[in-house]
Amino acid sequence: MRDKDGLDAALFVAWLTAAADAVAKEAPRLTELDSAIGDGDHGTNLKRGFAAVAAKLAQEPPATPGATLQLTGRQLISTVGGASGPLYGSVFRAAGKALGDAESADVPALAAAFAAGLEALARLGGASVGDKTMLDAFTPAVEALRAAAEDGLLPGQALDLAARAAEEGAQETAPLRARKGRASYLGERSEGHLDPGAVSTALLWRTLADAAA
């Protein structure tokens, strides 16, 4: 599933299957966070989407990491309501496209792929770092992964650093005032709450790091 150089399709399937379990477990908390500043459906929507992803991967496991991520993106777009479905779907599709047909992904390839996902996320959402969105967790994770690639770290080490950066980024959304999405309608009342999208983003990075450990 993994060697010192890269992660194969089986590891990506294991990651996303574990992510479905983690999202299901954390769905009540994600919904609670979203209820404070959003539609109150983030946990429910993501739980449905990743359950569909896990079922599809079990039924038709793709042959490459890139195909695995693209299938995930398509499933999320077709099953997750609200803004998070298209946003997460675009991230996975862009990252999968960047990986191409390679049989495995090393740290530089992962960094490039998730950077492509980040670009897709920023383009579709129109947000910037500090707007209290998924971007506040995704951006530091990609930056940490790029730095790990330059330092020549192995995938397990690199992804753990990326997950830590995402978790710190998510926590740092609490004092921010939302400038995008429904939460922005609350103005200063959005301050003091974690952004649910940033929290779910950190959860996905953590499950990837655990799968690659």
Foldseek 3Di string as FASTA:
>chain_A
DADQFWDFLVLLLVLLLVLLVVLQVCLVVLLVLCVQQHDSCPSVQVNFQSVQLNVVCVVPPDQGNLVSLQSSLVSLLVRGDDDVSNLSSQLSNQLSVQLPPDRTAGLVSNLVSNVSSLVSNCVVQVDDALQQALNLLSVQLSVQSVVCVVVVHTPLVSLVSSLVSLVVSQVVSQQGQHDGDRSNVVGNSSHRGGRSSSVSSSSSSVSSSVSVD
